[in-house]
C-alpha cells in the first residue's frame, strides 16, 4: 500500500476539490445568449426580424438572426468591461 488510510482520504479530498474549482471555469467560459429580435410595429404576431445583425458592444463578436428572428451569440468573461 502506497499511502495509509488518512493519506488516501486526504488525496481524494484534494482531487475532488480541485475538480470542483474548475467546474465554474468550464461553465462560464462557454456561455451563450439567445434572444429574438422583433418588429415593434407588429408585436401582436410576435414576428421576428430575419437577417438582423446582433453585435456585442466593444468586441468583434456578432450573430445574425434566423428566419424567425432568433439568434445565439457567444459570451466570454473578458467581455465584461
C-alpha atoms as a PDB file:
ATOM      1  CA  UNK A   1       0.000   0.000   0.000  1.00  0.00           C
ATOM      2  CA  UNK A   2       1.461   3.336  -1.061  1.00  0.00           C
ATOM      3  CA  UNK A   3      -0.497   5.544   1.311  1.00  0.00           C
ATOM      4  CA  UNK A   4      -2.146   4.940   4.616  1.00  0.00           C
ATOM      5  CA  UNK A   5      -5.909   5.391   5.032  1.00  0.00           C
ATOM      6  CA  UNK A   6      -5.694   9.047   6.174  1.00  0.00           C
ATOM      7  CA  UNK A   7      -3.447   9.945   3.256  1.00  0.00           C
ATOM      8  CA  UNK A   8      -5.865   8.292   0.808  1.00  0.00           C
ATOM      9  CA  UNK A   9      -8.786  10.286   2.196  1.00  0.00           C
ATOM     10  CA  UNK A  10      -6.771  13.499   2.068  1.00  0.00           C
ATOM     11  CA  UNK A  11      -5.714  12.798  -1.539  1.00  0.00           C
ATOM     12  CA  UNK A  12      -9.323  12.114  -2.573  1.00  0.00           C
ATOM     13  CA  UNK A  13     -10.447  15.387  -0.987  1.00  0.00           C
ATOM     14  CA  UNK A  14      -7.738  17.300  -2.848  1.00  0.00           C
ATOM     15  CA  UNK A  15      -8.713  15.731  -6.171  1.00  0.00           C
ATOM     16  CA  UNK A  16     -12.440  16.342  -5.660  1.00  0.00           C
ATOM     17  CA  UNK A  17     -11.899  19.948  -4.534  1.00  0.00           C
ATOM     18  CA  UNK A  18      -9.611  20.618  -7.493  1.00  0.00           C
ATOM     19  CA  UNK A  19     -12.244  19.278  -9.862  1.00  0.00           C
ATOM     20  CA  UNK A  20     -14.994  21.347  -8.229  1.00  0.00           C
ATOM     21  CA  UNK A  21     -12.904  24.512  -8.567  1.00  0.00           C
ATOM     22  CA  UNK A  22     -12.684  24.073 -12.333  1.00  0.00           C
ATOM     23  CA  UNK A  23     -16.403  23.499 -12.948  1.00  0.00           C
ATOM     24  CA  UNK A  24     -17.304  27.237 -12.871  1.00  0.00           C
ATOM     25  CA  UNK A  25     -14.497  27.984 -15.305  1.00  0.00           C
ATOM     26  CA  UNK A  26     -15.849  25.426 -17.745  1.00  0.00           C
ATOM     27  CA  UNK A  27     -19.444  26.551 -17.331  1.00  0.00           C
ATOM     28  CA  UNK A  28     -18.898  30.300 -17.603  1.00  0.00           C
ATOM     29  CA  UNK A  29     -16.287  30.215 -20.343  1.00  0.00           C
ATOM     30  CA  UNK A  30     -18.727  28.563 -22.767  1.00  0.00           C
ATOM     31  CA  UNK A  31     -21.791  30.737 -22.191  1.00  0.00           C
ATOM     32  CA  UNK A  32     -24.095  31.848 -24.968  1.00  0.00           C
ATOM     33  CA  UNK A  33     -27.030  34.217 -25.072  1.00  0.00           C
ATOM     34  CA  UNK A  34     -30.124  33.508 -27.094  1.00  0.00           C
ATOM     35  CA  UNK A  35     -32.736  36.075 -27.969  1.00  0.00           C
ATOM     36  CA  UNK A  36     -35.244  37.243 -30.519  1.00  0.00           C
ATOM     37  CA  UNK A  37     -35.380  40.473 -32.494  1.00  0.00           C
ATOM     38  CA  UNK A  38     -38.988  41.504 -33.017  1.00  0.00           C
ATOM     39  CA  UNK A  39     -40.793  44.132 -35.059  1.00  0.00           C
ATOM     40  CA  UNK A  40     -42.282  46.660 -32.633  1.00  0.00           C
ATOM     41  CA  UNK A  41     -44.883  47.645 -35.232  1.00  0.00           C
ATOM     42  CA  UNK A  42     -46.128  44.045 -35.441  1.00  0.00           C
ATOM     43  CA  UNK A  43     -45.853  42.827 -31.853  1.00  0.00           C
ATOM     44  CA  UNK A  44     -49.239  41.057 -31.918  1.00  0.00           C
ATOM     45  CA  UNK A  45     -47.974  38.326 -34.265  1.00  0.00           C
ATOM     46  CA  UNK A  46     -44.629  38.056 -32.415  1.00  0.00           C
ATOM     47  CA  UNK A  47     -42.977  38.167 -35.815  1.00  0.00           C
ATOM     48  CA  UNK A  48     -39.211  38.098 -35.670  1.00  0.00           C
ATOM     49  CA  UNK A  49     -36.926  40.005 -37.996  1.00  0.00           C
ATOM     50  CA  UNK A  50     -34.801  37.680 -40.087  1.00  0.00           C
ATOM     51  CA  UNK A  51     -31.297  38.632 -41.168  1.00  0.00           C
ATOM     52  CA  UNK A  52     -30.737  41.241 -38.428  1.00  0.00           C
ATOM     53  CA  UNK A  53     -27.193  41.508 -37.088  1.00  0.00           C
ATOM     54  CA  UNK A  54     -26.650  41.413 -33.332  1.00  0.00           C
ATOM     55  CA  UNK A  55     -23.285  42.800 -32.224  1.00  0.00           C
ATOM     56  CA  UNK A  56     -21.633  42.505 -28.796  1.00  0.00           C
ATOM     57  CA  UNK A  57     -20.596  46.061 -27.898  1.00  0.00           C
ATOM     58  CA  UNK A  58     -16.823  46.776 -27.858  1.00  0.00           C
ATOM     59  CA  UNK A  59     -15.965  43.376 -29.413  1.00  0.00           C
ATOM     60  CA  UNK A  60     -15.845  41.824 -32.857  1.00  0.00           C
ATOM     61  CA  UNK A  61     -18.445  39.178 -31.871  1.00  0.00           C
ATOM     62  CA  UNK A  62     -21.719  39.191 -33.760  1.00  0.00           C
ATOM     63  CA  UNK A  63     -24.538  36.913 -34.893  1.00  0.00           C
ATOM     64  CA  UNK A  64     -27.308  37.030 -37.495  1.00  0.00           C
ATOM     65  CA  UNK A  65     -30.929  36.215 -36.712  1.00  0.00           C
ATOM     66  CA  UNK A  66     -32.572  33.220 -38.381  1.00  0.00           C
ATOM     67  CA  UNK A  67     -35.805  33.281 -40.420  1.00  0.00           C
ATOM     68  CA  UNK A  68     -37.885  33.576 -37.214  1.00  0.00           C
ATOM     69  CA  UNK A  69     -35.734  36.306 -35.653  1.00  0.00           C
ATOM     70  CA  UNK A  70     -33.846  34.125 -33.144  1.00  0.00           C
ATOM     71  CA  UNK A  71     -30.113  34.474 -32.545  1.00  0.00           C
ATOM     72  CA  UNK A  72     -27.444  32.888 -30.372  1.00  0.00           C
ATOM     73  CA  UNK A  73     -24.302  34.834 -29.571  1.00  0.00           C
ATOM     74  CA  UNK A  74     -21.188  33.687 -27.723  1.00  0.00           C
ATOM     75  CA  UNK A  75     -20.208  35.271 -24.416  1.00  0.00           C
ATOM     76  CA  UNK A  76     -16.804  35.280 -22.769  1.00  0.00           C
ATOM     77  CA  UNK A  77     -15.848  36.583 -19.342  1.00  0.00           C
ATOM     78  CA  UNK A  78     -13.439  39.114 -20.857  1.00  0.00           C
ATOM     79  CA  UNK A  79     -16.412  40.908 -22.489  1.00  0.00           C
ATOM     80  CA  UNK A  80     -17.254  42.422 -19.063  1.00  0.00           C
ATOM     81  CA  UNK A  81     -15.790  45.908 -19.234  1.00  0.00           C
END
